[in-house]
């Protein structure tokens, strides 16, 4: 009498859990890798953006980056002007 062959209709639960956990770890690792790559790219862009607008224009940086550098320079100059103006006003008040 031949023995009936056993055909599993599904994998054991521990195998399914192990595969699910492995898939989860792969997705987490991929997400962390993408995040690290994105942060590195942002860091490089910020490093470039800290350069002077003239230098950026000379090296062929995109217009948005040159504009951002010019805006940053203008904002710094405005803060410096405001500080100097405030100091001058304080001196004038001291003359009264």
N, C-alpha and C. Protein backbone atom coordinates (compact mmCIF):
# COMPACT_ATOMS: atom_id res chain seq x y z
N UNK A 1 0.84 -1.16 0.00
CA UNK A 1 0.00 0.00 0.00
C UNK A 1 0.90 1.25 0.00
N UNK A 2 0.70 2.13 -0.98
CA UNK A 2 1.53 3.33 -1.06
C UNK A 2 1.14 4.34 0.04
N UNK A 3 2.16 5.04 0.52
CA UNK A 3 1.91 6.06 1.53
C UNK A 3 1.43 7.34 0.86
N UNK A 4 0.44 7.96 1.42
CA UNK A 4 -0.02 9.21 0.83
C UNK A 4 1.03 10.31 1.03
N UNK A 5 1.23 11.09 0.01
CA UNK A 5 2.20 12.19 0.13
C UNK A 5 1.54 13.36 0.87
N UNK A 6 2.36 13.95 1.69
CA UNK A 6 1.86 15.09 2.44
C UNK A 6 2.16 16.37 1.67
N UNK A 7 1.17 17.13 1.39
CA UNK A 7 1.33 18.42 0.72
C UNK A 7 0.86 19.49 1.69
N UNK A 8 1.81 20.31 2.09
CA UNK A 8 1.45 21.38 3.00
C UNK A 8 0.74 22.49 2.22
N UNK A 9 -0.39 22.88 2.69
CA UNK A 9 -1.13 23.94 2.02
C UNK A 9 -0.61 25.31 2.40
N UNK A 10 0.04 25.41 3.51
CA UNK A 10 0.64 26.68 3.91
C UNK A 10 1.92 26.37 4.68
N UNK A 11 2.77 27.38 4.73
CA UNK A 11 4.01 27.22 5.47
C UNK A 11 3.71 27.31 6.95
N UNK A 12 4.59 26.76 7.76
CA UNK A 12 4.37 26.86 9.20
C UNK A 12 4.39 28.32 9.65
N UNK A 13 3.71 28.58 10.73
CA UNK A 13 3.56 29.94 11.24
C UNK A 13 4.91 30.58 11.54
N UNK A 14 5.85 29.84 12.12
CA UNK A 14 7.15 30.43 12.46
C UNK A 14 7.92 30.84 11.21
N UNK A 15 7.71 30.12 10.10
CA UNK A 15 8.37 30.50 8.84
C UNK A 15 7.74 31.79 8.31
N UNK A 16 6.43 31.88 8.37
CA UNK A 16 5.75 33.09 7.92
C UNK A 16 6.16 34.29 8.75
N UNK A 17 6.25 34.11 10.06
CA UNK A 17 6.67 35.22 10.94
C UNK A 17 8.10 35.63 10.65
N UNK A 18 8.98 34.65 10.45
CA UNK A 18 10.38 34.96 10.15
C UNK A 18 10.49 35.73 8.84
N UNK A 19 9.74 35.33 7.83
CA UNK A 19 9.78 36.03 6.54
C UNK A 19 9.22 37.45 6.67
N UNK A 20 8.15 37.59 7.43
CA UNK A 20 7.57 38.92 7.64
C UNK A 20 8.55 39.83 8.38
N UNK A 21 9.21 39.29 9.40
CA UNK A 21 10.17 40.07 10.16
C UNK A 21 11.36 40.46 9.29
N UNK A 22 11.83 39.55 8.46
CA UNK A 22 12.94 39.84 7.55
C UNK A 22 12.55 40.93 6.56
N UNK A 23 11.33 40.85 6.03
CA UNK A 23 10.86 41.87 5.10
C UNK A 23 10.77 43.23 5.79
N UNK A 24 10.30 43.23 7.03
CA UNK A 24 10.22 44.48 7.80
C UNK A 24 11.61 45.08 8.01
N UNK A 25 12.57 44.25 8.38
CA UNK A 25 13.94 44.74 8.57
C UNK A 25 14.51 45.31 7.29
N UNK A 26 14.22 44.68 6.17
CA UNK A 26 14.71 45.20 4.88
C UNK A 26 14.10 46.57 4.58
N UNK A 27 12.80 46.72 4.85
CA UNK A 27 12.14 48.01 4.59
C UNK A 27 12.70 49.10 5.50
N UNK A 28 12.94 48.76 6.76
CA UNK A 28 13.50 49.74 7.70
C UNK A 28 14.91 50.13 7.26
N UNK A 29 15.71 49.14 6.87
CA UNK A 29 17.08 49.43 6.43
C UNK A 29 17.06 50.32 5.18
N UNK A 30 16.15 50.04 4.25
CA UNK A 30 16.05 50.85 3.03
C UNK A 30 15.63 52.28 3.37
N UNK A 31 14.69 52.43 4.30
CA UNK A 31 14.24 53.76 4.69
C UNK A 31 15.37 54.54 5.36
N UNK A 32 16.13 53.87 6.22
CA UNK A 32 17.26 54.54 6.87
C UNK A 32 18.33 54.94 5.87
N UNK A 33 18.58 54.08 4.89
CA UNK A 33 19.55 54.39 3.84
C UNK A 33 19.10 55.61 3.04
N UNK A 34 17.82 55.63 2.65
CA UNK A 34 17.29 56.77 1.89
C UNK A 34 17.38 58.06 2.71
N UNK A 35 17.07 57.97 4.00
CA UNK A 35 17.14 59.15 4.86
C UNK A 35 18.57 59.67 4.96
N UNK A 36 19.52 58.76 5.11
CA UNK A 36 20.93 59.16 5.20
C UNK A 36 21.39 59.81 3.90
N UNK A 37 20.97 59.25 2.77
CA UNK A 37 21.35 59.83 1.47
C UNK A 37 20.73 61.21 1.30
N UNK A 38 19.47 61.36 1.71
CA UNK A 38 18.80 62.65 1.58
C UNK A 38 19.45 63.70 2.47
N UNK A 39 19.81 63.31 3.70
CA UNK A 39 20.46 64.26 4.62
C UNK A 39 21.84 64.66 4.10
N UNK A 40 22.57 63.71 3.51
CA UNK A 40 23.89 64.03 2.96
C UNK A 40 23.74 65.01 1.79
N UNK A 41 22.76 64.78 0.94
CA UNK A 41 22.52 65.69 -0.19
C UNK A 41 22.15 67.08 0.32
N UNK A 42 21.29 67.15 1.34
CA UNK A 42 20.92 68.44 1.92
C UNK A 42 22.13 69.14 2.52
N UNK A 43 22.98 68.39 3.19
CA UNK A 43 24.19 68.97 3.79
C UNK A 43 25.10 69.54 2.71
N UNK A 44 25.25 68.82 1.61
CA UNK A 44 26.09 69.30 0.52
C UNK A 44 25.50 70.56 -0.11
N UNK A 45 24.19 70.59 -0.26
CA UNK A 45 23.54 71.78 -0.84
C UNK A 45 23.71 72.96 0.09
N UNK A 46 23.55 72.75 1.41
CA UNK A 46 23.72 73.84 2.36
C UNK A 46 25.16 74.34 2.37
N UNK A 47 26.11 73.44 2.22
CA UNK A 47 27.52 73.85 2.15
C UNK A 47 27.74 74.74 0.95
N UNK A 48 27.18 74.36 -0.19
CA UNK A 48 27.30 75.18 -1.39
C UNK A 48 26.56 76.50 -1.20
N UNK A 49 25.39 76.43 -0.58
CA UNK A 49 24.56 77.64 -0.44
C UNK A 49 25.22 78.67 0.47
N UNK A 50 26.14 78.25 1.32
CA UNK A 50 26.82 79.19 2.20
C UNK A 50 27.87 80.01 1.47
N UNK A 51 28.17 79.62 0.24
CA UNK A 51 29.15 80.38 -0.53
C UNK A 51 28.55 81.71 -0.98
N UNK A 52 29.41 82.62 -1.36
CA UNK A 52 28.99 83.93 -1.85
C UNK A 52 28.30 83.77 -3.21
N UNK A 53 27.35 84.66 -3.48
CA UNK A 53 26.58 84.60 -4.72
C UNK A 53 27.49 84.69 -5.95
N UNK A 54 28.52 85.49 -5.87
CA UNK A 54 29.44 85.65 -7.02
C UNK A 54 30.16 84.34 -7.31
N UNK A 55 30.64 83.68 -6.26
CA UNK A 55 31.34 82.40 -6.44
C UNK A 55 30.38 81.37 -7.00
N UNK A 56 29.16 81.33 -6.47
CA UNK A 56 28.18 80.37 -6.97
C UNK A 56 27.89 80.60 -8.45
N UNK A 57 27.76 81.87 -8.83
CA UNK A 57 27.51 82.19 -10.23
C UNK A 57 28.69 81.74 -11.09
N UNK A 58 29.92 81.95 -10.58
CA UNK A 58 31.12 81.57 -11.33
C UNK A 58 31.23 80.07 -11.54
N UNK A 59 30.79 79.28 -10.56
CA UNK A 59 30.91 77.82 -10.72
C UNK A 59 29.69 77.22 -11.41
N UNK A 60 28.74 78.06 -11.81
CA UNK A 60 27.60 77.58 -12.58
C UNK A 60 26.49 76.99 -11.74
N UNK A 61 26.36 77.46 -10.52
CA UNK A 61 25.29 76.97 -9.65
C UNK A 61 23.93 77.41 -10.20
N UNK A 62 22.88 76.67 -9.87
CA UNK A 62 21.55 77.06 -10.35
C UNK A 62 21.13 78.43 -9.81
N UNK A 63 20.26 79.07 -10.55
CA UNK A 63 19.83 80.43 -10.20
C UNK A 63 19.20 80.50 -8.81
N UNK A 64 18.43 79.48 -8.43
CA UNK A 64 17.77 79.51 -7.11
C UNK A 64 18.81 79.53 -6.00
N UNK A 65 19.95 78.85 -6.22
CA UNK A 65 20.98 78.82 -5.19
C UNK A 65 21.70 80.16 -5.11
N UNK A 66 21.94 80.78 -6.26
CA UNK A 66 22.57 82.11 -6.29
C UNK A 66 21.64 83.12 -5.62
N UNK A 67 20.34 83.02 -5.91
CA UNK A 67 19.37 83.94 -5.31
C UNK A 67 19.31 83.75 -3.80
N UNK A 68 19.34 82.51 -3.33
CA UNK A 68 19.29 82.25 -1.89
C UNK A 68 20.51 82.86 -1.21
N UNK A 69 21.69 82.73 -1.84
CA UNK A 69 22.91 83.30 -1.26
C UNK A 69 22.81 84.83 -1.20
N UNK A 70 22.26 85.43 -2.26
CA UNK A 70 22.10 86.89 -2.27
C UNK A 70 21.10 87.33 -1.20
N UNK A 71 20.02 86.58 -1.04
CA UNK A 71 19.03 86.91 -0.01
C UNK A 71 19.65 86.81 1.39
N UNK A 72 20.44 85.77 1.60
CA UNK A 72 21.09 85.60 2.90
C UNK A 72 22.04 86.75 3.18
N UNK A 73 22.82 87.15 2.17
CA UNK A 73 23.74 88.28 2.33
C UNK A 73 22.97 89.55 2.64
N UNK A 74 21.87 89.79 1.91
CA UNK A 74 21.06 90.98 2.15
C UNK A 74 20.48 90.99 3.56
N UNK A 75 20.02 89.83 4.02
CA UNK A 75 19.46 89.74 5.38
C UNK A 75 20.54 90.02 6.42
N UNK A 76 21.74 89.52 6.20
CA UNK A 76 22.83 89.78 7.14
C UNK A 76 23.19 91.27 7.16
N UNK A 77 23.22 91.88 5.98
CA UNK A 77 23.52 93.30 5.91
C UNK A 77 22.43 94.12 6.60
N UNK A 78 21.17 93.71 6.46
CA UNK A 78 20.07 94.41 7.11
C UNK A 78 20.17 94.28 8.63
N UNK A 79 20.50 93.09 9.14
CA UNK A 79 20.69 92.92 10.59
C UNK A 79 21.82 93.79 11.10
N UNK A 80 22.92 93.86 10.35
CA UNK A 80 24.05 94.70 10.75
C UNK A 80 23.64 96.17 10.78
N UNK A 81 22.90 96.60 9.76
CA UNK A 81 22.43 97.98 9.71
C UNK A 81 21.53 98.28 10.90
N UNK A 82 20.60 97.36 11.21
CA UNK A 82 19.69 97.57 12.34
C UNK A 82 20.46 97.66 13.66
N UNK A 83 21.47 96.83 13.83
CA UNK A 83 22.28 96.89 15.06
C UNK A 83 23.01 98.23 15.17
N UNK A 84 23.59 98.66 14.05
CA UNK A 84 24.31 99.93 14.06
C UNK A 84 23.35 101.10 14.30
N UNK A 85 22.19 101.04 13.67
CA UNK A 85 21.19 102.10 13.86
C UNK A 85 20.73 102.16 15.31
N UNK A 86 20.48 100.99 15.88
CA UNK A 86 20.04 100.92 17.28
C UNK A 86 21.12 101.50 18.21
N UNK A 87 22.37 101.17 17.93
CA UNK A 87 23.47 101.70 18.75
C UNK A 87 23.56 103.22 18.60
N UNK A 88 23.41 103.73 17.37
CA UNK A 88 23.45 105.17 17.16
C UNK A 88 22.30 105.88 17.87
N UNK A 89 21.12 105.30 17.84
CA UNK A 89 19.96 105.89 18.52
C UNK A 89 20.23 105.92 20.03
N UNK A 90 20.77 104.83 20.56
CA UNK A 90 21.09 104.80 21.99
C UNK A 90 22.10 105.89 22.37
N UNK A 91 23.07 106.13 21.50
CA UNK A 91 24.06 107.19 21.77
C UNK A 91 23.38 108.56 21.76
N UNK A 92 22.47 108.77 20.80
CA UNK A 92 21.78 110.04 20.74
C UNK A 92 20.91 110.26 21.97
N UNK A 93 20.29 109.21 22.46
CA UNK A 93 19.48 109.33 23.68
C UNK A 93 20.38 109.66 24.88
N UNK A 94 21.60 109.21 24.86
CA UNK A 94 22.53 109.47 25.93
C UNK A 94 23.02 110.91 25.94
N UNK A 95 22.89 111.63 24.82
CA UNK A 95 23.33 113.03 24.74
C UNK A 95 22.33 113.99 25.37
N UNK A 96 21.13 113.57 25.59
CA UNK A 96 20.10 114.47 26.13
C UNK A 96 20.34 114.81 27.56
